[in-house]
């Protein structure tokens, strides 16, 4: 047995005082059932909240603008779309991204600008905020010369 300076053992498992133990008092069956019912109710509430949160995250729309570009200008288009990303972010856009295709069907866009939006009203507001700016109009006229076709705007709803 390990002994400490006060002479008591670390491994002494005897009751603290005569007749007293560390055991919890026994619950009656009714107390147990009440506790279990409260635990079930808490669990059910947590599950309900979790399911509601999952439904909210599933109903997201995504804006995808595809641009078919002149192959030699792909890198320049990517750099220009990074500028658009900054403009969209300033207008409150969430998670704008630039994607570059590597294995695509003929006619598919080489570069895609993608942005997450909560709903179509938010999307419309953000598009208006971005397109009314002078720097966007300057950017757009420069960008038009890099494209082989007009960009296409597509809105997708994520299905999970």
Protein backbone atom coordinates (compact mmCIF):
# COMPACT_ATOMS: atom_id res chain seq x y z
CA UNK A 1 0.00 0.00 0.00
CA UNK A 2 1.17 3.51 -0.79
CA UNK A 3 1.63 5.68 2.28
CA UNK A 4 1.45 9.48 2.20
CA UNK A 5 2.98 11.89 4.68
CA UNK A 6 -0.09 11.96 6.94
CA UNK A 7 0.11 8.18 7.38
CA UNK A 8 -3.05 7.35 5.39
CA UNK A 9 -2.98 4.91 2.52
CA UNK A 10 -3.89 5.90 -1.07
CA UNK A 11 -5.39 2.46 -1.57
CA UNK A 12 -7.60 2.46 1.50
CA UNK A 13 -11.16 1.84 0.31
CA UNK A 14 -12.86 1.67 3.68
CA UNK A 15 -15.94 3.84 4.28
CA UNK A 16 -15.22 7.46 5.10
CA UNK A 17 -17.03 7.26 8.42
CA UNK A 18 -18.57 4.39 10.33
CA UNK A 19 -21.74 3.24 8.52
CA UNK A 20 -21.39 5.70 5.60
CA UNK A 21 -20.56 4.75 2.02
CA UNK A 22 -20.03 6.61 -1.22
CA UNK A 23 -22.96 4.83 -2.90
CA UNK A 24 -25.85 6.88 -4.27
CA UNK A 25 -29.19 6.55 -2.52
CA UNK A 26 -31.44 4.04 -4.28
CA UNK A 27 -34.02 5.48 -6.70
CA UNK A 28 -37.53 4.22 -6.52
CA UNK A 29 -39.02 2.71 -9.68
CA UNK A 30 -41.22 5.80 -10.11
CA UNK A 31 -38.18 8.12 -9.87
CA UNK A 32 -36.33 6.03 -12.47
CA UNK A 33 -39.29 6.11 -14.86
CA UNK A 34 -39.63 9.88 -14.40
CA UNK A 35 -35.91 10.35 -15.12
CA UNK A 36 -36.11 8.07 -18.19
CA UNK A 37 -39.17 9.95 -19.50
CA UNK A 38 -37.32 13.26 -19.14
CA UNK A 39 -34.27 11.82 -20.95
CA UNK A 40 -36.49 10.49 -23.77
CA UNK A 41 -38.23 13.88 -24.12
CA UNK A 42 -34.87 15.67 -24.27
CA UNK A 43 -33.57 13.21 -26.85
CA UNK A 44 -36.71 13.55 -28.98
CA UNK A 45 -36.45 17.36 -28.86
CA UNK A 46 -32.79 17.19 -29.92
CA UNK A 47 -33.66 14.83 -32.79
CA UNK A 48 -36.52 17.10 -33.91
CA UNK A 49 -34.18 20.12 -33.92
CA UNK A 50 -31.56 18.12 -35.81
CA UNK A 51 -34.09 17.05 -38.47
CA UNK A 52 -35.35 20.64 -38.85
CA UNK A 53 -31.77 21.87 -39.33
CA UNK A 54 -31.17 19.18 -41.99
CA UNK A 55 -34.29 20.27 -43.87
CA UNK A 56 -33.13 23.92 -43.78
CA UNK A 57 -29.73 23.01 -45.22
CA UNK A 58 -31.22 20.84 -47.95
CA UNK A 59 -33.35 23.58 -49.47
CA UNK A 60 -30.44 25.67 -50.80
CA UNK A 61 -30.28 27.09 -54.30
CA UNK A 62 -27.03 27.55 -56.16
CA UNK A 63 -26.31 30.04 -58.88
CA UNK A 64 -24.07 28.71 -61.60
CA UNK A 65 -22.85 30.94 -64.40
CA UNK A 66 -21.05 28.97 -67.10
CA UNK A 67 -18.68 30.70 -69.47
CA UNK A 68 -17.39 29.03 -72.61
CA UNK A 69 -14.02 30.62 -73.22
CA UNK A 70 -11.36 30.86 -75.85
CA UNK A 71 -8.94 28.11 -74.82
CA UNK A 72 -5.84 30.33 -74.88
CA UNK A 73 -7.55 32.81 -72.54
CA UNK A 74 -8.73 30.30 -69.92
CA UNK A 75 -6.21 31.43 -67.31
CA UNK A 76 -7.11 35.09 -67.88
CA UNK A 77 -10.82 34.26 -67.53
CA UNK A 78 -10.08 32.46 -64.25
CA UNK A 79 -8.31 35.57 -62.96
CA UNK A 80 -11.21 37.78 -64.06
CA UNK A 81 -13.73 35.49 -62.35
CA UNK A 82 -11.71 35.81 -59.14
CA UNK A 83 -12.42 39.56 -59.38
CA UNK A 84 -16.13 38.74 -59.80
CA UNK A 85 -15.86 36.54 -56.70
CA UNK A 86 -14.67 39.55 -54.70
CA UNK A 87 -17.53 41.71 -56.04
CA UNK A 88 -20.10 39.03 -55.15
CA UNK A 89 -18.63 38.62 -51.67
CA UNK A 90 -18.88 42.38 -51.07
CA UNK A 91 -22.57 42.16 -52.04
CA UNK A 92 -23.12 39.46 -49.39
CA UNK A 93 -22.61 36.38 -51.56
CA UNK A 94 -21.82 33.15 -49.73
CA UNK A 95 -19.16 30.72 -50.95
CA UNK A 96 -18.59 31.99 -54.48
CA UNK A 97 -16.24 29.66 -56.38
CA UNK A 98 -14.49 29.41 -59.71
CA UNK A 99 -14.37 25.93 -61.22
CA UNK A 100 -12.29 24.87 -64.23
CA UNK A 101 -13.28 21.81 -66.23
CA UNK A 102 -10.70 19.20 -67.13
CA UNK A 103 -12.77 16.38 -68.64
CA UNK A 104 -15.94 17.80 -70.16
CA UNK A 105 -18.18 17.07 -73.11
CA UNK A 106 -17.90 19.24 -76.23
CA UNK A 107 -19.76 22.49 -75.71
CA UNK A 108 -19.49 22.35 -71.91
CA UNK A 109 -18.09 25.48 -70.23
CA UNK A 110 -14.35 25.59 -69.60
CA UNK A 111 -14.76 27.77 -66.53
CA UNK A 112 -17.74 28.05 -64.20
CA UNK A 113 -18.57 30.65 -61.58
CA UNK A 114 -20.69 29.19 -58.78
CA UNK A 115 -22.34 30.84 -55.80
CA UNK A 116 -24.57 29.57 -53.00
CA UNK A 117 -27.73 31.55 -52.19
CA UNK A 118 -30.44 30.99 -49.60
CA UNK A 119 -33.34 31.83 -51.95
CA UNK A 120 -34.10 33.41 -55.31
CA UNK A 121 -34.98 36.79 -53.77
CA UNK A 122 -31.52 37.01 -52.21
CA UNK A 123 -29.98 36.02 -55.53
CA UNK A 124 -31.88 38.75 -57.39
CA UNK A 125 -30.85 41.36 -54.82
CA UNK A 126 -27.19 40.35 -55.01
CA UNK A 127 -27.17 40.32 -58.82
CA UNK A 128 -28.66 43.84 -58.83
CA UNK A 129 -26.11 45.08 -56.27
CA UNK A 130 -23.21 43.68 -58.29
CA UNK A 131 -24.35 44.65 -61.81
CA UNK A 132 -25.18 48.26 -60.88
CA UNK A 133 -21.59 48.95 -59.83
CA UNK A 134 -19.27 50.82 -62.20
CA UNK A 135 -16.40 48.38 -61.56
CA UNK A 136 -18.66 45.47 -62.63
CA UNK A 137 -19.62 47.24 -65.84
CA UNK A 138 -15.96 47.84 -66.67
CA UNK A 139 -15.14 44.24 -65.74
CA UNK A 140 -18.03 42.93 -67.88
CA UNK A 141 -16.96 44.79 -71.02
CA UNK A 142 -13.40 43.45 -70.66
CA UNK A 143 -14.67 39.93 -69.92
CA UNK A 144 -16.92 39.86 -73.01
CA UNK A 145 -13.86 39.94 -75.26
CA UNK A 146 -12.54 36.75 -73.65
CA UNK A 147 -15.66 34.66 -74.27
CA UNK A 148 -16.56 32.70 -77.40
CA UNK A 149 -20.26 32.81 -76.40
CA UNK A 150 -22.44 34.80 -74.05
CA UNK A 151 -22.38 33.35 -70.54
CA UNK A 152 -25.33 31.24 -69.46
CA UNK A 153 -26.98 31.69 -66.08
CA UNK A 154 -28.42 28.56 -64.52
CA UNK A 155 -29.99 28.06 -61.08
CA UNK A 156 -29.98 24.62 -59.50
CA UNK A 157 -31.71 23.35 -56.38
CA UNK A 158 -29.61 20.83 -54.47
CA UNK A 159 -31.49 17.57 -53.92
CA UNK A 160 -30.24 15.55 -50.94
